[in-house]
Amino acid sequence: MRIELRIRNANVPMFVEEYTERRLRFALDRYGSRIRRVRVCITDLNGPRGGRDKACRIRVEVIPSGVLVLEERHADLYMAIGGAVQRVAETLEPKLSSARRRRNGNEEDFGFGE
C-alpha cells in the first residue's frame, strides 16, 4: 500500500503528515495487498476566516478494481483526518470481507465506481 499526501492552502506542521500516515496504516494495513494506493489531500478551504473549513479527502484504489473517495470537513484538522480515515475503514470493511468470502469463486467488482 502506497500512501501519497498532498497539502493545499494549509500551513500544517510536519507531525500532521506523520499522524495521517499512522492513522491510515493502523486502519488499512490489514487489507495488505488489496489496496494499491491511498491518496490524501488536506485543504484549508477558508484560510484564516475559520469555520468548518479543514477538509481531508481520501482516495483509495482497491485491487482488482474499484476506487473509493470520501471527504470529511471539520473546524479541527485532526477531527477531519480522523473522521475521513474512520469512514474509509467502515466502508471498506464489508466490501473486502465479502470479497474474502468469495475468493473461492469469481472475483467481483467492489462496486465503488471510478
PDB file of N, CA and C in Angstrom:
ATOM      1  N   MET A   1       0.857  -1.167   0.000  1.00  0.00           N
ATOM      2  CA  MET A   1       0.000   0.000   0.000  1.00  0.00           C
ATOM      3  C   MET A   1       0.906   1.234   0.000  1.00  0.00           C
ATOM      4  N   ARG A   2       0.664   2.066  -0.998  1.00  0.00           N
ATOM      5  CA  ARG A   2       1.415   3.305  -1.106  1.00  0.00           C
ATOM      6  C   ARG A   2       0.546   4.469  -0.637  1.00  0.00           C
ATOM      7  N   ILE A   3       1.080   5.337   0.192  1.00  0.00           N
ATOM      8  CA  ILE A   3       0.334   6.489   0.690  1.00  0.00           C
ATOM      9  C   ILE A   3       0.963   7.765   0.134  1.00  0.00           C
ATOM     10  N   GLU A   4       0.127   8.585  -0.509  1.00  0.00           N
ATOM     11  CA  GLU A   4       0.564   9.883  -1.022  1.00  0.00           C
ATOM     12  C   GLU A   4      -0.215  10.955  -0.280  1.00  0.00           C
ATOM     13  N   LEU A   5       0.481  11.947   0.222  1.00  0.00           N
ATOM     14  CA  LEU A   5      -0.161  13.014   0.984  1.00  0.00           C
ATOM     15  C   LEU A   5       0.115  14.345   0.301  1.00  0.00           C
ATOM     16  N   ARG A   6      -0.964  15.095   0.042  1.00  0.00           N
ATOM     17  CA  ARG A   6      -0.844  16.431  -0.543  1.00  0.00           C
ATOM     18  C   ARG A   6      -1.527  17.426   0.383  1.00  0.00           C
ATOM     19  N   ILE A   7      -0.891  18.556   0.560  1.00  0.00           N
ATOM     20  CA  ILE A   7      -1.458  19.602   1.408  1.00  0.00           C
ATOM     21  C   ILE A   7      -1.618  20.856   0.554  1.00  0.00           C
ATOM     22  N   ARG A   8      -2.848  21.375   0.526  1.00  0.00           N
ATOM     23  CA  ARG A   8      -3.142  22.560  -0.280  1.00  0.00           C
ATOM     24  C   ARG A   8      -3.689  23.669   0.610  1.00  0.00           C
ATOM     25  N   ASN A   9      -3.208  24.878   0.383  1.00  0.00           N
ATOM     26  CA  ASN A   9      -3.710  26.076   1.066  1.00  0.00           C
ATOM     27  C   ASN A   9      -3.746  25.926   2.581  1.00  0.00           C
ATOM     28  N   ALA A  10      -2.856  25.138   3.108  1.00  0.00           N
ATOM     29  CA  ALA A  10      -2.843  24.933   4.559  1.00  0.00           C
ATOM     30  C   ALA A  10      -1.395  24.966   5.047  1.00  0.00           C
ATOM     31  N   ASN A  11      -1.208  25.590   6.155  1.00  0.00           N
ATOM     32  CA  ASN A  11       0.097  25.640   6.793  1.00  0.00           C
ATOM     33  C   ASN A  11       0.056  24.671   7.964  1.00  0.00           C
ATOM     34  N   VAL A  12       0.450  23.434   7.728  1.00  0.00           N
ATOM     35  CA  VAL A  12       0.347  22.417   8.775  1.00  0.00           C
ATOM     36  C   VAL A  12       1.735  21.949   9.200  1.00  0.00           C
ATOM     37  N   PRO A  13       1.890  21.643  10.470  1.00  0.00           N
ATOM     38  CA  PRO A  13       3.179  21.135  10.956  1.00  0.00           C
ATOM     39  C   PRO A  13       3.486  19.749  10.386  1.00  0.00           C
ATOM     40  N   MET A  14       4.759  19.399  10.399  1.00  0.00           N
ATOM     41  CA  MET A  14       5.218  18.115   9.862  1.00  0.00           C
ATOM     42  C   MET A  14       4.553  16.931  10.559  1.00  0.00           C
ATOM     43  N   PHE A  15       4.263  17.057  11.859  1.00  0.00           N
ATOM     44  CA  PHE A  15       3.702  15.916  12.576  1.00  0.00           C
ATOM     45  C   PHE A  15       2.274  15.595  12.128  1.00  0.00           C
ATOM     46  N   VAL A  16       1.610  16.490  11.408  1.00  0.00           N
ATOM     47  CA  VAL A  16       0.286  16.183  10.855  1.00  0.00           C
ATOM     48  C   VAL A  16       0.423  15.113   9.778  1.00  0.00           C
ATOM     49  N   GLU A  17       1.480  15.189   8.990  1.00  0.00           N
ATOM     50  CA  GLU A  17       1.735  14.163   7.982  1.00  0.00           C
ATOM     51  C   GLU A  17       1.967  12.808   8.652  1.00  0.00           C
ATOM     52  N   GLU A  18       2.762  12.799   9.699  1.00  0.00           N
ATOM     53  CA  GLU A  18       3.032  11.559  10.425  1.00  0.00           C
ATOM     54  C   GLU A  18       1.754  11.006  11.056  1.00  0.00           C
ATOM     55  N   TYR A  19       0.951  11.887  11.629  1.00  0.00           N
ATOM     56  CA  TYR A  19      -0.321  11.487  12.240  1.00  0.00           C
ATOM     57  C   TYR A  19      -1.236  10.853  11.199  1.00  0.00           C
ATOM     58  N   THR A  20      -1.336  11.482  10.035  1.00  0.00           N
ATOM     59  CA  THR A  20      -2.210  10.986   8.965  1.00  0.00           C
ATOM     60  C   THR A  20      -1.766   9.607   8.490  1.00  0.00           C
ATOM     61  N   GLU A  21      -0.480   9.454   8.246  1.00  0.00           N
ATOM     62  CA  GLU A  21       0.021   8.161   7.787  1.00  0.00           C
ATOM     63  C   GLU A  21      -0.162   7.080   8.845  1.00  0.00           C
ATOM     64  N   ARG A  22       0.088   7.417  10.104  1.00  0.00           N
ATOM     65  CA  ARG A  22      -0.080   6.439  11.187  1.00  0.00           C
ATOM     66  C   ARG A  22      -1.532   5.979  11.295  1.00  0.00           C
ATOM     67  N   ARG A  23      -2.481   6.912  11.214  1.00  0.00           N
ATOM     68  CA  ARG A  23      -3.910   6.573  11.277  1.00  0.00           C
ATOM     69  C   ARG A  23      -4.315   5.679  10.111  1.00  0.00           C
ATOM     70  N   LEU A  24      -3.833   6.018   8.906  1.00  0.00           N
ATOM     71  CA  LEU A  24      -4.171   5.214   7.728  1.00  0.00           C
ATOM     72  C   LEU A  24      -3.597   3.806   7.829  1.00  0.00           C
ATOM     73  N   ARG A  25      -2.354   3.702   8.209  1.00  0.00           N
ATOM     74  CA  ARG A  25      -1.731   2.369   8.318  1.00  0.00           C
ATOM     75  C   ARG A  25      -2.438   1.520   9.375  1.00  0.00           C
ATOM     76  N   PHE A  26      -2.787   2.124  10.495  1.00  0.00           N
ATOM     77  CA  PHE A  26      -3.488   1.385  11.540  1.00  0.00           C
ATOM     78  C   PHE A  26      -4.842   0.879  11.031  1.00  0.00           C
ATOM     79  N   ALA A  27      -5.558   1.701  10.267  1.00  0.00           N
ATOM     80  CA  ALA A  27      -6.895   1.345   9.802  1.00  0.00           C
ATOM     81  C   ALA A  27      -6.879   0.416   8.595  1.00  0.00           C
ATOM     82  N   LEU A  28      -5.852   0.508   7.737  1.00  0.00           N
ATOM     83  CA  LEU A  28      -5.903  -0.196   6.451  1.00  0.00           C
ATOM     84  C   LEU A  28      -4.854  -1.277   6.248  1.00  0.00           C
ATOM     85  N   ASP A  29      -3.863  -1.379   7.095  1.00  0.00           N
ATOM     86  CA  ASP A  29      -2.796  -2.368   6.888  1.00  0.00           C
ATOM     87  C   ASP A  29      -3.322  -3.795   6.807  1.00  0.00           C
ATOM     88  N   ARG A  30      -4.397  -4.095   7.494  1.00  0.00           N
ATOM     89  CA  ARG A  30      -4.909  -5.475   7.485  1.00  0.00           C
ATOM     90  C   ARG A  30      -5.394  -5.908   6.111  1.00  0.00           C
ATOM     91  N   TYR A  31      -5.649  -4.941   5.227  1.00  0.00           N
ATOM     92  CA  TYR A  31      -6.097  -5.276   3.870  1.00  0.00           C
ATOM     93  C   TYR A  31      -4.913  -5.513   2.949  1.00  0.00           C
ATOM     94  N   GLY A  32      -3.727  -5.215   3.423  1.00  0.00           N
ATOM     95  CA  GLY A  32      -2.484  -5.527   2.740  1.00  0.00           C
ATOM     96  C   GLY A  32      -2.449  -5.261   1.258  1.00  0.00           C
ATOM     97  N   SER A  33      -2.278  -6.313   0.498  1.00  0.00           N
ATOM     98  CA  SER A  33      -2.067  -6.194  -0.940  1.00  0.00           C
ATOM     99  C   SER A  33      -3.339  -5.859  -1.716  1.00  0.00           C
ATOM    100  N   ARG A  34      -4.483  -5.795  -1.049  1.00  0.00           N
ATOM    101  CA  ARG A  34      -5.722  -5.471  -1.766  1.00  0.00           C
ATOM    102  C   ARG A  34      -5.905  -3.970  -1.974  1.00  0.00           C
ATOM    103  N   ILE A  35      -5.042  -3.172  -1.358  1.00  0.00           N
ATOM    104  CA  ILE A  35      -5.079  -1.724  -1.560  1.00  0.00           C
ATOM    105  C   ILE A  35      -3.800  -1.322  -2.283  1.00  0.00           C
ATOM    106  N   ARG A  36      -3.964  -0.785  -3.477  1.00  0.00           N
ATOM    107  CA  ARG A  36      -2.816  -0.387  -4.286  1.00  0.00           C
ATOM    108  C   ARG A  36      -2.240   0.947  -3.809  1.00  0.00           C
ATOM    109  N   ARG A  37      -3.115   1.952  -3.688  1.00  0.00           N
ATOM    110  CA  ARG A  37      -2.629   3.289  -3.363  1.00  0.00           C
ATOM    111  C   ARG A  37      -3.688   4.055  -2.583  1.00  0.00           C
ATOM    112  N   VAL A  38      -3.217   4.909  -1.685  1.00  0.00           N
ATOM    113  CA  VAL A  38      -4.089   5.798  -0.927  1.00  0.00           C
ATOM    114  C   VAL A  38      -3.573   7.212  -1.146  1.00  0.00           C
ATOM    115  N   ARG A  39      -4.445   8.080  -1.657  1.00  0.00           N
ATOM    116  CA  ARG A  39      -4.086   9.485  -1.849  1.00  0.00           C
ATOM    117  C   ARG A  39      -4.889  10.324  -0.865  1.00  0.00           C
ATOM    118  N   VAL A  40      -4.194  11.166  -0.131  1.00  0.00           N
ATOM    119  CA  VAL A  40      -4.836  12.028   0.859  1.00  0.00           C
ATOM    120  C   VAL A  40      -4.550  13.473   0.475  1.00  0.00           C
ATOM    121  N   CYS A  41      -5.604  14.275   0.449  1.00  0.00           N
ATOM    122  CA  CYS A  41      -5.449  15.697   0.176  1.00  0.00           C
ATOM    123  C   CYS A  41      -6.042  16.467   1.355  1.00  0.00           C
ATOM    124  N   ILE A  42      -5.205  17.272   1.988  1.00  0.00           N
ATOM    125  CA  ILE A  42      -5.636  18.091   3.120  1.00  0.00           C
ATOM    126  C   ILE A  42      -5.687  19.536   2.645  1.00  0.00           C
ATOM    127  N   THR A  43      -6.830  20.181   2.880  1.00  0.00           N
ATOM    128  CA  THR A  43      -7.031  21.540   2.386  1.00  0.00           C
ATOM    129  C   THR A  43      -7.642  22.414   3.468  1.00  0.00           C
ATOM    130  N   ASP A  44      -7.194  23.651   3.528  1.00  0.00           N
ATOM    131  CA  ASP A  44      -7.819  24.672   4.363  1.00  0.00           C
ATOM    132  C   ASP A  44      -8.625  25.546   3.408  1.00  0.00           C
ATOM    133  N   LEU A  45      -9.935  25.343   3.365  1.00  0.00           N
ATOM    134  CA  LEU A  45     -10.779  25.969   2.363  1.00  0.00           C
ATOM    135  C   LEU A  45     -10.948  27.473   2.535  1.00  0.00           C
ATOM    136  N   ASN A  46     -11.072  27.942   3.776  1.00  0.00           N
ATOM    137  CA  ASN A  46     -11.343  29.359   4.024  1.00  0.00           C
ATOM    138  C   ASN A  46     -10.143  30.139   4.528  1.00  0.00           C
ATOM    139  N   GLY A  47      -9.024  29.508   4.672  1.00  0.00           N
ATOM    140  CA  GLY A  47      -7.857  30.207   5.193  1.00  0.00           C
ATOM    141  C   GLY A  47      -8.088  30.666   6.630  1.00  0.00           C
ATOM    142  N   PRO A  48      -7.681  31.878   6.962  1.00  0.00           N
ATOM    143  CA  PRO A  48      -7.778  32.346   8.346  1.00  0.00           C
ATOM    144  C   PRO A  48      -9.194  32.750   8.773  1.00  0.00           C
ATOM    145  N   ARG A  49     -10.181  32.672   7.896  1.00  0.00           N
ATOM    146  CA  ARG A  49     -11.541  33.094   8.247  1.00  0.00           C
ATOM    147  C   ARG A  49     -12.227  32.156   9.225  1.00  0.00           C
ATOM    148  N   GLY A  50     -11.753  30.921   9.327  1.00  0.00           N
ATOM    149  CA  GLY A  50     -12.324  29.971  10.285  1.00  0.00           C
ATOM    150  C   GLY A  50     -13.521  29.214   9.749  1.00  0.00           C
ATOM    151  N   GLY A  51     -14.186  28.493  10.636  1.00  0.00           N
ATOM    152  CA  GLY A  51     -15.348  27.694  10.250  1.00  0.00           C
ATOM    153  C   GLY A  51     -14.977  26.253   9.967  1.00  0.00           C
ATOM    154  N   ARG A  52     -15.951  25.487   9.445  1.00  0.00           N
ATOM    155  CA  ARG A  52     -15.720  24.074   9.094  1.00  0.00           C
ATOM    156  C   ARG A  52     -14.972  24.038   7.773  1.00  0.00           C
ATOM    157  N   ASP A  53     -13.749  24.462   7.816  1.00  0.00           N
ATOM    158  CA  ASP A  53     -13.030  24.662   6.569  1.00  0.00           C
ATOM    159  C   ASP A  53     -11.842  23.747   6.364  1.00  0.00           C
ATOM    160  N   LYS A  54     -11.566  22.854   7.286  1.00  0.00           N
ATOM    161  CA  LYS A  54     -10.478  21.896   7.093  1.00  0.00           C
ATOM    162  C   LYS A  54     -11.075  20.658   6.432  1.00  0.00           C
ATOM    163  N   ALA A  55     -10.536  20.305   5.281  1.00  0.00           N
ATOM    164  CA  ALA A  55     -11.066  19.154   4.541  1.00  0.00           C
ATOM    165  C   ALA A  55      -9.975  18.105   4.378  1.00  0.00           C
ATOM    166  N   CYS A  56     -10.362  16.858   4.540  1.00  0.00           N
ATOM    167  CA  CYS A  56      -9.476  15.726   4.301  1.00  0.00           C
ATOM    168  C   CYS A  56     -10.182  14.814   3.306  1.00  0.00           C
ATOM    169  N   ARG A  57      -9.613  14.720   2.124  1.00  0.00           N
ATOM    170  CA  ARG A  57     -10.182  13.874   1.072  1.00  0.00           C
ATOM    171  C   ARG A  57      -9.262  12.679   0.882  1.00  0.00           C
ATOM    172  N   ILE A  58      -9.844  11.480   0.951  1.00  0.00           N
ATOM    173  CA  ILE A  58      -9.062  10.248   0.820  1.00  0.00           C
ATOM    174  C   ILE A  58      -9.578   9.467  -0.381  1.00  0.00           C
ATOM    175  N   ARG A  59      -8.644   9.070  -1.245  1.00  0.00           N
ATOM    176  CA  ARG A  59      -8.962   8.267  -2.430  1.00  0.00           C
ATOM    177  C   ARG A  59      -8.194   6.956  -2.306  1.00  0.00           C
ATOM    178  N   VAL A  60      -8.934   5.844  -2.282  1.00  0.00           N
ATOM    179  CA  VAL A  60      -8.335   4.517  -2.111  1.00  0.00           C
ATOM    180  C   VAL A  60      -8.543   3.723  -3.392  1.00  0.00           C
ATOM    181  N   GLU A  61      -7.451   3.213  -3.954  1.00  0.00           N
ATOM    182  CA  GLU A  61      -7.518   2.348  -5.129  1.00  0.00           C
ATOM    183  C   GLU A  61      -7.467   0.902  -4.656  1.00  0.00           C
ATOM    184  N   VAL A  62      -8.559   0.182  -4.883  1.00  0.00           N
ATOM    185  CA  VAL A  62      -8.703  -1.185  -4.398  1.00  0.00           C
ATOM    186  C   VAL A  62      -8.446  -2.155  -5.550  1.00  0.00           C
ATOM    187  N   ILE A  63      -7.710  -3.219  -5.263  1.00  0.00           N
ATOM    188  CA  ILE A  63      -7.406  -4.254  -6.243  1.00  0.00           C
ATOM    189  C   ILE A  63      -8.453  -5.347  -6.133  1.00  0.00           C
ATOM    190  N   PRO A  64      -8.996  -5.904  -7.148  1.00  0.00           N
ATOM    191  CA  PRO A  64      -8.608  -5.808  -8.546  1.00  0.00           C
ATOM    192  C   PRO A  64      -9.158  -4.568  -9.250  1.00  0.00           C
ATOM    193  N   SER A  65     -10.253  -4.036  -8.790  1.00  0.00           N
ATOM    194  CA  SER A  65     -10.751  -2.806  -9.401  1.00  0.00           C
ATOM    195  C   SER A  65     -11.621  -2.086  -8.398  1.00  0.00           C
ATOM    196  N   GLY A  66     -11.710  -0.806  -8.580  1.00  0.00           N
ATOM    197  CA  GLY A  66     -12.565  -0.014  -7.722  1.00  0.00           C
ATOM    198  C   GLY A  66     -11.815   1.134  -7.079  1.00  0.00           C
ATOM    199  N   VAL A  67     -12.519   2.223  -6.941  1.00  0.00           N
ATOM    200  CA  VAL A  67     -11.953   3.410  -6.308  1.00  0.00           C
ATOM    201  C   VAL A  67     -12.971   3.927  -5.306  1.00  0.00           C
ATOM    202  N   LEU A  68     -12.510   4.219  -4.114  1.00  0.00           N
ATOM    203  CA  LEU A  68     -13.352   4.782  -3.074  1.00  0.00           C
ATOM    204  C   LEU A  68     -12.824   6.171  -2.758  1.00  0.00           C
ATOM    205  N   VAL A  69     -13.712   7.177  -2.794  1.00  0.00           N
ATOM    206  CA  VAL A  69     -13.322   8.547  -2.478  1.00  0.00           C
ATOM    207  C   VAL A  69     -14.276   9.075  -1.415  1.00  0.00           C
ATOM    208  N   LEU A  70     -13.712   9.559  -0.311  1.00  0.00           N
ATOM    209  CA  LEU A  70     -14.504  10.140   0.773  1.00  0.00           C
ATOM    210  C   LEU A  70     -13.853  11.430   1.236  1.00  0.00           C
ATOM    211  N   GLU A  71     -14.693  12.370   1.669  1.00  0.00           N
ATOM    212  CA  GLU A  71     -14.176  13.632   2.191  1.00  0.00           C
ATOM    213  C   GLU A  71     -14.869  13.959   3.500  1.00  0.00           C
ATOM    214  N   GLU A  72     -14.098  14.480   4.424  1.00  0.00           N
ATOM    215  CA  GLU A  72     -14.623  14.891   5.722  1.00  0.00           C
ATOM    216  C   GLU A  72     -14.178  16.329   5.965  1.00  0.00           C
ATOM    217  N   ARG A  73     -15.111  17.164   6.455  1.00  0.00           N
ATOM    218  CA  ARG A  73     -14.798  18.560   6.787  1.00  0.00           C
ATOM    219  C   ARG A  73     -15.085  18.817   8.256  1.00  0.00           C
ATOM    220  N   HIS A  74     -14.207  19.605   8.845  1.00  0.00           N
ATOM    221  CA  HIS A  74     -14.365  19.935  10.255  1.00  0.00           C
ATOM    222  C   HIS A  74     -13.551  21.186  10.549  1.00  0.00           C
ATOM    223  N   ALA A  75     -13.890  21.882  11.626  1.00  0.00           N
ATOM    224  CA  ALA A  75     -13.116  23.061  12.041  1.00  0.00           C
ATOM    225  C   ALA A  75     -11.729  22.650  12.533  1.00  0.00           C
ATOM    226  N   ASP A  76     -11.623  21.440  13.114  1.00  0.00           N
ATOM    227  CA  ASP A  76     -10.365  20.926  13.627  1.00  0.00           C
ATOM    228  C   ASP A  76      -9.750  19.966  12.614  1.00  0.00           C
ATOM    229  N   LEU A  77      -8.507  20.207  12.236  1.00  0.00           N
ATOM    230  CA  LEU A  77      -7.844  19.388  11.228  1.00  0.00           C
ATOM    231  C   LEU A  77      -7.761  17.924  11.634  1.00  0.00           C
ATOM    232  N   TYR A  78      -7.434  17.654  12.893  1.00  0.00           N
ATOM    233  CA  TYR A  78      -7.312  16.269  13.360  1.00  0.00           C
ATOM    234  C   TYR A  78      -8.659  15.542  13.309  1.00  0.00           C
ATOM    235  N   MET A  79      -9.740  16.245  13.586  1.00  0.00           N
ATOM    236  CA  MET A  79     -11.073  15.643  13.510  1.00  0.00           C
ATOM    237  C   MET A  79     -11.438  15.334  12.058  1.00  0.00           C
ATOM    238  N   ALA A  80     -11.047  16.199  11.143  1.00  0.00           N
ATOM    239  CA  ALA A  80     -11.309  15.957   9.723  1.00  0.00           C
ATOM    240  C   ALA A  80     -10.548  14.721   9.246  1.00  0.00           C
ATOM    241  N   ILE A  81      -9.279  14.619   9.627  1.00  0.00           N
ATOM    242  CA  ILE A  81      -8.464  13.465   9.233  1.00  0.00           C
ATOM    243  C   ILE A  81      -9.000  12.187   9.865  1.00  0.00           C
ATOM    244  N   GLY A  82      -9.232  12.213  11.166  1.00  0.00           N
ATOM    245  CA  GLY A  82      -9.735  11.029  11.866  1.00  0.00           C
ATOM    246  C   GLY A  82     -11.088  10.579  11.347  1.00  0.00           C
ATOM    247  N   GLY A  83     -11.978  11.528  11.084  1.00  0.00           N
ATOM    248  CA  GLY A  83     -13.300  11.187  10.548  1.00  0.00           C
ATOM    249  C   GLY A  83     -13.222  10.562   9.171  1.00  0.00           C
ATOM    250  N   ALA A  84     -12.351  11.105   8.314  1.00  0.00           N
ATOM    251  CA  ALA A  84     -12.200  10.561   6.963  1.00  0.00           C
ATOM    252  C   ALA A  84     -11.614   9.151   7.003  1.00  0.00           C
ATOM    253  N   VAL A  85     -10.604   8.946   7.828  1.00  0.00           N
ATOM    254  CA  VAL A  85      -9.989   7.612   7.947  1.00  0.00           C
ATOM    255  C   VAL A  85     -11.010   6.607   8.479  1.00  0.00           C
ATOM    256  N   GLN A  86     -11.781   7.004   9.478  1.00  0.00           N
ATOM    257  CA  GLN A  86     -12.783   6.100  10.045  1.00  0.00           C
ATOM    258  C   GLN A  86     -13.840   5.732   9.003  1.00  0.00           C
ATOM    259  N   ARG A  87     -14.320   6.706   8.244  1.00  0.00           N
ATOM    260  CA  ARG A  87     -15.331   6.425   7.218  1.00  0.00           C
ATOM    261  C   ARG A  87     -14.785   5.505   6.127  1.00  0.00           C
ATOM    262  N   VAL A  88     -13.513   5.694   5.744  1.00  0.00           N
ATOM    263  CA  VAL A  88     -12.897   4.818   4.748  1.00  0.00           C
ATOM    264  C   VAL A  88     -12.849   3.386   5.271  1.00  0.00           C
ATOM    265  N   ALA A  89     -12.384   3.214   6.504  1.00  0.00           N
ATOM    266  CA  ALA A  89     -12.290   1.870   7.092  1.00  0.00           C
ATOM    267  C   ALA A  89     -13.663   1.220   7.205  1.00  0.00           C
ATOM    268  N   GLU A  90     -14.672   1.983   7.638  1.00  0.00           N
ATOM    269  CA  GLU A  90     -16.028   1.441   7.770  1.00  0.00           C
ATOM    270  C   GLU A  90     -16.638   1.072   6.425  1.00  0.00           C
ATOM    271  N   THR A  91     -16.283   1.795   5.383  1.00  0.00           N
ATOM    272  CA  THR A  91     -16.811   1.499   4.048  1.00  0.00           C
ATOM    273  C   THR A  91     -16.112   0.297   3.429  1.00  0.00           C
ATOM    274  N   LEU A  92     -14.800   0.188   3.639  1.00  0.00           N
ATOM    275  CA  LEU A  92     -14.040  -0.920   3.054  1.00  0.00           C
ATOM    276  C   LEU A  92     -14.318  -2.256   3.730  1.00  0.00           C
ATOM    277  N   GLU A  93     -14.529  -2.248   5.026  1.00  0.00           N
ATOM    278  CA  GLU A  93     -14.673  -3.498   5.789  1.00  0.00           C
ATOM    279  C   GLU A  93     -15.697  -4.454   5.190  1.00  0.00           C
ATOM    280  N   PRO A  94     -16.952  -4.060   4.983  1.00  0.00           N
ATOM    281  CA  PRO A  94     -17.908  -5.034   4.443  1.00  0.00           C
ATOM    282  C   PRO A  94     -17.580  -5.456   3.012  1.00  0.00           C
ATOM    283  N   LYS A  95     -17.043  -4.539   2.217  1.00  0.00           N
ATOM    284  CA  LYS A  95     -16.709  -4.871   0.822  1.00  0.00           C
ATOM    285  C   LYS A  95     -15.574  -5.874   0.758  1.00  0.00           C
ATOM    286  N   LEU A  96     -14.514  -5.623   1.504  1.00  0.00           N
ATOM    287  CA  LEU A  96     -13.355  -6.514   1.432  1.00  0.00           C
ATOM    288  C   LEU A  96     -13.589  -7.802   2.197  1.00  0.00           C
ATOM    289  N   SER A  97     -14.399  -7.775   3.237  1.00  0.00           N
ATOM    290  CA  SER A  97     -14.722  -9.011   3.949  1.00  0.00           C
ATOM    291  C   SER A  97     -15.555  -9.935   3.081  1.00  0.00           C
ATOM    292  N   SER A  98     -16.526  -9.386   2.363  1.00  0.00           N
ATOM    293  CA  SER A  98     -17.343 -10.222   1.478  1.00  0.00           C
ATOM    294  C   SER A  98     -16.521 -10.709   0.294  1.00  0.00           C
ATOM    295  N   ALA A  99     -15.554  -9.911  -0.162  1.00  0.00           N
ATOM    296  CA  ALA A  99     -14.676 -10.348  -1.244  1.00  0.00           C
ATOM    297  C   ALA A  99     -13.824 -11.521  -0.789  1.00  0.00           C
ATOM    298  N   ARG A 100     -13.409 -11.520   0.466  1.00  0.00           N
ATOM    299  CA  ARG A 100     -12.612 -12.622   1.006  1.00  0.00           C
ATOM    300  C   ARG A 100     -13.430 -13.912   0.998  1.00  0.00           C
ATOM    301  N   ARG A 101     -14.721 -13.792   1.331  1.00  0.00           N
ATOM    302  CA  ARG A 101     -15.577 -14.981   1.340  1.00  0.00           C
ATOM    303  C   ARG A 101     -15.813 -15.510  -0.069  1.00  0.00           C
ATOM    304  N   ARG A 102     -15.769 -14.619  -1.071  1.00  0.00           N
ATOM    305  CA  ARG A 102     -15.998 -15.036  -2.460  1.00  0.00           C
ATOM    306  C   ARG A 102     -14.723 -15.502  -3.138  1.00  0.00           C
ATOM    307  N   ARG A 103     -13.618 -15.450  -2.456  1.00  0.00           N
ATOM    308  CA  ARG A 103     -12.323 -15.717  -3.071  1.00  0.00           C
ATOM    309  C   ARG A 103     -12.288 -17.057  -3.800  1.00  0.00           C
ATOM    310  N   ASN A 104     -13.011 -18.039  -3.320  1.00  0.00           N
ATOM    311  CA  ASN A 104     -13.011 -19.352  -3.965  1.00  0.00           C
ATOM    312  C   ASN A 104     -13.753 -19.342  -5.286  1.00  0.00           C
ATOM    313  N   GLY A 105     -14.655 -18.390  -5.474  1.00  0.00           N
ATOM    314  CA  GLY A 105     -15.408 -18.276  -6.720  1.00  0.00           C
ATOM    315  C   GLY A 105     -14.829 -17.182  -7.598  1.00  0.00           C
ATOM    316  N   ASN A 106     -15.687 -16.569  -8.383  1.00  0.00           N
ATOM    317  CA  ASN A 106     -15.255 -15.475  -9.248  1.00  0.00           C
ATOM    318  C   ASN A 106     -15.027 -14.219  -8.430  1.00  0.00           C
ATOM    319  N   GLU A 107     -13.985 -13.470  -8.806  1.00  0.00           N
ATOM    320  CA  GLU A 107     -13.780 -12.176  -8.161  1.00  0.00           C
ATOM    321  C   GLU A 107     -14.711 -11.175  -8.806  1.00  0.00           C
ATOM    322  N   GLU A 108     -15.335 -10.350  -7.980  1.00  0.00           N
ATOM    323  CA  GLU A 108     -16.278  -9.368  -8.477  1.00  0.00           C
ATOM    324  C   GLU A 108     -15.778  -7.974  -8.223  1.00  0.00           C
ATOM    325  N   ASP A 109     -16.340  -7.015  -8.952  1.00  0.00           N
ATOM    326  CA  ASP A 109     -16.031  -5.613  -8.741  1.00  0.00           C
ATOM    327  C   ASP A 109     -16.511  -5.217  -7.352  1.00  0.00           C
ATOM    328  N   PHE A 110     -15.800  -4.339  -6.688  1.00  0.00           N
ATOM    329  CA  PHE A 110     -16.157  -3.915  -5.345  1.00  0.00           C
ATOM    330  C   PHE A 110     -17.304  -2.943  -5.317  1.00  0.00           C
ATOM    331  N   GLY A 111     -17.677  -2.400  -6.456  1.00  0.00           N
ATOM    332  CA  GLY A 111     -18.845  -1.542  -6.530  1.00  0.00           C
ATOM    333  C   GLY A 111     -18.618  -0.121  -6.082  1.00  0.00           C
ATOM    334  N   PHE A 112     -17.361   0.344  -6.073  1.00  0.00           N
ATOM    335  CA  PHE A 112     -17.104   1.719  -5.677  1.00  0.00           C
ATOM    336  C   PHE A 112     -17.264   2.666  -6.854  1.00  0.00           C
ATOM    337  N   GLY A 113     -17.108   2.183  -8.070  1.00  0.00           N
ATOM    338  CA  GLY A 113     -17.151   3.054  -9.240  1.00  0.00           C
ATOM    339  C   GLY A 113     -15.776   3.610  -9.525  1.00  0.00           C
ATOM    340  N   GLU A 114     -15.657   4.413 -10.549  1.00  0.00           N
ATOM    341  CA  GLU A 114     -14.373   5.035 -10.883  1.00  0.00           C
ATOM    342  C   GLU A 114     -14.510   6.481 -11.115  1.00  0.00           C
TER     343      GLU A 114
END
